[in-house]
Protein backbone atom coordinates (compact mmCIF):
# COMPACT_ATOMS: atom_id res chain seq x y z
CA MET A 1 -10.95 -9.61 4.46
CA LEU A 2 -7.16 -10.44 3.61
CA SER A 3 -6.16 -8.14 6.35
CA ARG A 4 -8.82 -9.73 8.72
CA LEU A 5 -7.89 -13.16 8.01
CA SER A 6 -3.94 -12.16 8.14
CA GLN A 7 -5.12 -10.85 11.41
CA THR A 8 -6.28 -14.26 12.64
CA LEU A 9 -3.81 -16.82 11.05
CA VAL A 10 -0.52 -14.86 11.84
CA PRO A 11 -0.53 -15.41 15.45
CA ALA A 12 -1.38 -18.82 15.16
CA ILE A 13 1.85 -19.76 13.27
CA GLY A 14 4.50 -17.51 14.82
CA ARG A 15 5.04 -14.35 16.75
CA LEU A 16 4.99 -11.33 15.34
CA THR A 17 6.52 -8.13 16.57
CA VAL A 18 6.38 -4.84 14.27
CA THR A 19 8.77 -1.70 14.88
CA VAL A 20 8.34 2.10 13.37
CA ASP A 21 10.98 4.18 12.18
CA ALA A 22 13.23 2.02 14.85
CA VAL A 23 10.87 4.02 17.51
CA HIS A 24 9.27 1.79 19.46
CA THR A 25 7.64 -1.95 19.43
CA VAL A 26 4.37 -2.97 18.86
CA THR A 27 3.89 -6.59 20.84
CA ALA A 28 0.43 -5.85 21.38
CA PRO A 29 -1.96 -8.25 20.16
CA CYS A 30 -3.86 -7.98 16.13
CA GLY A 31 -5.92 -4.89 15.41
CA THR A 32 -5.04 -2.66 18.17
CA GLY A 33 -3.45 0.67 17.51
CA ALA A 34 0.23 1.76 17.53
CA GLN A 35 1.02 5.86 18.34
CA GLY A 36 3.48 7.67 16.14
CA ALA A 37 2.84 4.88 13.19
CA VAL A 38 2.03 7.08 10.19
CA VAL A 39 1.94 5.91 6.68
CA PRO A 40 0.77 8.85 4.29
CA PRO A 41 -2.83 8.52 2.50
CA GLY A 42 -1.76 7.23 -1.41
CA SER A 43 1.37 6.25 0.08
CA ILE A 44 3.06 3.55 -2.06
CA LEU A 45 4.40 0.45 0.58
CA ALA A 46 7.33 -1.66 -0.77
CA ALA A 47 8.09 -4.88 1.25
CA ASN A 48 10.97 -7.87 0.30
CA HIS A 49 9.71 -10.32 -0.06
CA THR A 50 11.09 -13.98 0.76
CA SER A 51 8.07 -16.30 1.10
CA LEU A 52 4.28 -17.69 0.51
CA ALA A 53 3.93 -16.76 3.78
CA ASP A 54 5.24 -13.01 3.83
CA PRO A 55 2.43 -10.99 2.30
CA ALA A 56 0.42 -12.62 5.52
CA ILE A 57 2.56 -11.21 7.84
CA VAL A 58 3.52 -8.20 6.34
CA LEU A 59 -0.82 -7.84 6.08
CA ALA A 60 -1.00 -8.34 9.77
CA ALA A 61 1.99 -6.16 11.10
CA LEU A 62 -0.13 -3.26 9.07
CA ARG A 63 -3.25 -3.81 10.57
CA ARG A 64 -2.11 -3.22 13.66
CA LEU A 65 -1.20 0.12 12.77
CA GLY A 66 -4.73 0.55 10.83
CA VAL A 67 -3.44 0.76 7.42
CA ARG A 68 -5.80 -1.66 5.03
CA PRO A 69 -3.78 -1.81 1.49
CA VAL A 70 -4.74 -2.54 -2.14
CA VAL A 71 -1.99 -5.67 -2.88
CA MET A 72 -0.31 -5.98 -5.93
CA ALA A 73 -0.42 -9.60 -6.35
CA THR A 74 0.65 -12.72 -9.08
CA ALA A 75 -2.63 -12.93 -11.51
CA GLY A 76 -2.59 -16.21 -10.81
CA LEU A 77 -4.52 -15.89 -7.39
CA TRP A 78 -7.17 -14.09 -9.21
CA ARG A 79 -7.80 -17.76 -11.09
CA ILE A 80 -8.56 -19.29 -7.27
CA PRO A 81 -12.57 -19.15 -7.39
CA LEU A 82 -13.75 -17.82 -4.40
CA LEU A 83 -10.60 -15.65 -3.60
CA GLY A 84 -10.22 -14.65 -7.12
CA ARG A 85 -13.68 -12.91 -6.48
CA ALA A 86 -13.31 -11.75 -2.92
CA LEU A 87 -10.12 -10.15 -4.31
CA ALA A 88 -11.56 -8.34 -7.73
CA ARG A 89 -14.66 -7.03 -5.41
CA GLU A 90 -12.36 -5.42 -2.70
CA GLY A 91 -10.37 -3.50 -4.97
CA HIS A 92 -6.72 -5.61 -5.48
CA ILE A 93 -4.85 -5.73 -8.47
CA PRO A 94 -3.31 -8.48 -10.36
CA VAL A 95 0.03 -8.09 -11.90
CA HIS A 96 0.01 -10.22 -15.33
CA ARG A 97 3.73 -10.61 -15.28
CA HIS A 98 5.39 -11.13 -19.40
CA ASP A 99 2.26 -9.99 -20.51
CA ARG A 100 0.59 -7.56 -22.52
CA ARG A 101 -1.80 -6.37 -19.55
CA ALA A 102 1.29 -6.18 -17.67
CA ALA A 103 0.47 -2.26 -17.72
CA GLN A 104 -2.90 -2.24 -16.94
CA ALA A 105 -1.40 -3.68 -12.73
CA LEU A 106 0.86 0.36 -12.90
CA ASP A 107 -3.10 2.05 -14.11
CA LEU A 108 -5.12 0.29 -11.29
CA ALA A 109 -2.44 0.99 -9.16
CA ALA A 110 -2.65 5.03 -10.33
CA ALA A 111 -5.98 5.02 -9.25
CA ALA A 112 -6.08 3.63 -5.79
CA LEU A 113 -2.82 6.04 -4.73
CA GLU A 114 -5.26 9.06 -6.21
CA GLU A 115 -8.23 7.84 -4.03
CA GLY A 116 -5.78 8.16 -0.62
CA ARG A 117 -5.38 4.20 -1.34
CA PRO A 118 -2.06 2.90 0.16
CA VAL A 119 -0.69 0.34 -1.92
CA LEU A 120 1.34 -2.48 -1.63
CA ILE A 121 4.01 -3.43 -4.20
CA TYR A 122 6.72 -6.10 -4.45
CA ALA A 123 9.70 -4.66 -6.15
CA GLU A 124 11.12 -7.93 -6.64
CA GLY A 125 9.17 -9.31 -8.51
CA GLY A 126 9.30 -13.04 -7.20
CA LEU A 127 10.48 -15.34 -5.20
CA PRO A 128 14.35 -15.98 -4.21
CA LEU A 129 15.23 -19.98 -5.27
CA ARG A 130 17.05 -20.80 -2.59
CA LYS A 131 16.35 -23.78 -0.63
CA ASP A 132 17.39 -23.17 3.18
CA ALA A 133 15.51 -21.21 6.02
CA ALA A 134 17.84 -18.55 6.27
CA GLU A 135 17.43 -14.66 5.79
CA ALA A 136 19.51 -12.68 2.99
CA ALA A 137 19.57 -9.13 1.39
CA PRO A 138 16.18 -8.65 -1.24
CA VAL A 139 17.62 -9.33 -4.94
CA THR A 140 17.28 -6.61 -7.43
CA PHE A 141 14.16 -4.70 -7.82
CA ARG A 142 12.11 -3.89 -11.34
CA SER A 143 11.37 -0.93 -12.41
CA GLY A 144 7.45 -0.86 -12.02
CA LEU A 145 8.03 0.54 -8.66
CA ALA A 146 10.02 3.21 -9.71
CA ARG A 147 7.75 4.00 -12.75
CA LEU A 148 4.37 4.16 -10.40
CA ALA A 149 6.20 6.72 -8.21
CA GLU A 150 7.84 8.62 -11.00
CA ARG A 151 4.27 8.34 -12.37
CA THR A 152 1.90 9.71 -9.63
CA GLY A 153 4.70 11.42 -6.96
CA ALA A 154 3.23 9.30 -4.04
CA PRO A 155 5.65 8.44 -1.09
CA VAL A 156 7.50 5.14 -0.50
CA VAL A 157 7.42 3.69 2.52
CA PRO A 158 9.79 0.41 2.83
CA ILE A 159 8.59 -2.05 4.64
CA GLY A 160 10.75 -4.88 6.00
CA GLN A 161 9.98 -8.23 7.24
CA ALA A 162 12.32 -11.56 7.99
CA GLY A 163 11.17 -14.76 9.84
CA ALA A 164 8.87 -15.81 6.59
CA ARG A 165 11.18 -18.38 5.69
CA ARG A 166 10.64 -19.63 8.92
CA VAL A 167 7.32 -20.91 8.49
CA SER A 168 7.56 -21.68 4.37
CA SER A 169 10.09 -22.29 2.38
CA GLY A 170 12.24 -24.78 -0.31
CA ASN A 171 10.04 -26.79 -2.43
CA ALA A 172 6.72 -27.41 -2.31
CA ALA A 173 7.09 -30.18 0.34
CA LYS A 174 8.91 -28.32 2.63
CA GLN A 175 6.91 -25.59 2.32
CA LEU A 176 3.94 -27.51 3.08
CA ALA A 177 5.55 -29.16 5.95
CA GLY A 178 6.82 -25.64 7.75
CA LEU A 179 2.96 -24.64 7.26
CA VAL A 180 1.73 -27.15 8.67
CA THR A 181 4.41 -27.57 12.00
CA ALA A 182 4.38 -23.68 12.65
CA PRO A 183 1.48 -23.10 14.71
CA VAL A 184 3.58 -26.13 16.61
CA ARG A 185 6.97 -24.48 16.72
CA ARG A 186 5.50 -20.69 16.88
CA PRO A 187 8.65 -19.03 14.99
CA ASP A 188 9.86 -15.78 15.45
CA LEU A 189 8.79 -12.89 13.10
CA HIS A 190 9.36 -9.32 12.83
CA VAL A 191 7.95 -5.76 10.31
CA HIS A 192 10.00 -3.44 10.26
CA VAL A 193 7.76 -0.21 8.77
CA GLY A 194 10.41 2.90 7.77
CA ALA A 195 10.23 6.59 7.60
CA PRO A 196 8.51 7.56 3.97
CA LEU A 197 10.36 8.82 1.24
CA THR A 198 10.06 10.92 -1.96
CA LEU A 199 12.04 9.08 -4.61
CA THR A 200 14.08 11.43 -6.61
CA GLY A 201 16.23 11.41 -9.97
CA ASP A 202 15.99 9.45 -13.55
CA ARG A 203 14.18 5.64 -13.07
CA ALA A 204 17.08 3.79 -12.07
CA VAL A 205 18.60 6.16 -9.82
CA ARG A 206 14.84 6.17 -8.28
CA THR A 207 15.21 1.68 -8.09
CA ALA A 208 18.31 2.58 -6.40
CA GLN A 209 16.81 4.49 -3.58
CA ALA A 210 13.58 2.55 -3.13
CA TYR A 211 16.08 -0.31 -2.77
CA GLY A 212 18.10 0.90 -0.26
CA ALA A 213 15.86 1.64 1.69
CA VAL A 214 13.76 -1.66 2.02
CA THR A 215 16.70 -2.73 1.95
CA ASP A 216 17.42 -1.31 5.06
CA ALA A 217 13.97 -2.08 6.48
CA TRP A 218 14.93 -5.57 6.11
CA ARG A 219 18.26 -5.60 7.59
CA THR A 220 16.36 -3.76 10.88
CA ALA A 221 14.22 -6.48 10.71
CA ALA A 222 16.17 -9.17 10.40
CA ALA A 223 18.20 -8.14 13.22
CA HIS A 224 15.81 -8.48 15.75
CA LEU A 225 15.63 -12.16 14.87
CA GLY A 226 19.26 -12.18 15.01
CA GLU A 227 20.16 -13.28 11.41
CA PRO A 228 23.23 -13.63 10.77
CA ALA A 229 22.63 -12.03 7.51
CA ALA A 230 21.58 -9.04 8.68
CA LEU A 231 23.94 -8.97 11.64
CA ALA A 232 27.51 -9.62 9.28
CA ALA A 233 26.38 -6.50 7.63
């Protein structure tokens, strides 16, 4: 449901392009495949998180590649009546932050990976507090991604997205205004899917490896949009 919804909504709010391993660009309509796009079964998909809009953008990009992941998302979404039931039915994973139930999310994610399903995780653990719409590198990762990779041995596929803040950013009023006007403005959006990697070393080293790979993927995506932060780097 989330992938189908993203496929419908994202083309209405912006112009999405997708690159894979810095080799080829996918500009065909959502739903078409991309030859050479490789996401191994049971992969951890790690994406940067900059806006309320970027999960839909990442899901739309992944759907183009034939990938429909299990999503780890804030548990508050499960309290929304219709959405919560749909999320539960499809096996998506609620993350209860700062709660004794937080460990359950990793248990559910590990079970999904063992079944060969890809799992999408946002290792930053939250949205940036900046009010502007510009791009910036991901903030420091929390340890959950590294712990999940260590526990399961699953490969990590780094995903960088850019442009979501052009759709929605800032305070609540600005976010609403951005969403309302996006179909008229149709901002450029880009998602880059990097090559899978296997994390090694202790937890801190694994976290740093994943952070570096996602940052590189974000830099590629942001450079496609001419974002100053990526071009300067």
